[in-house]
Amino acid sequence: MATLAVVYDAEPAVRGADDLIRDPDTDLGPAPEPERRPGPKARSKWLTGSVNDTAAEVVTAAFDQSEHRDPGHRRSWVVLVDGARHQLDLITAEAVLKLRALRSKGDFDAYWTWHEQEEFTRNHQARYCDRLRLAA
C-alpha cells in the first residue's frame, strides 16, 4: 500500500460556513449567487510517497521537511489523516518527538502507552536483539 505526504505553506483564510457550501434550501431565484471569500492558497508544495518505504518513513520525511521550513516552530502545523489509525499513531509519535507538544482529541493516554512501547522497541530491542542473551 502506498503512503503519500504533502507539505506546503499557506496563509490562514478566515471563512464561514456560507463560504464553503450553500444551503440547498435557500432559493436564490434569479439573483446571482453571493460572493464567497477565497480559501487558502497552497504554495511551496513538497510531495513524497512510496510503495517501498514504510508509512513511518514517509511520515518522518514529511515532518523533517516541515522542520526544515519552520525550525523554530513559530507557525501552526496542521496534519490531515485519511482515517487510517496506524497513520494517526505515526503522525502523533512524530509530533511528540519533533514538536514536544501535541493537541489531542482525548486519546492521548492510549497513544502514550503505544509510544513508550515503540520507543522501547526502537531503542532497546532493535539494537540488542542479536546480542548476547542472558541465561537464567
Foldseek 3Di string as FASTA:
>chain_A
DKDKDKDWDKDAFDFDPCLPDPDPPDDPDPDDRDDHGDGIDTDPMDMDMDPPDDLLVNLLVNVVVVCVVCVPPPDDDDDDDPPDVVNVLSNVLVCCVRVVDDDDPPCVVVSVVVSVVVCCCVVPCVVPVPPDDDDD
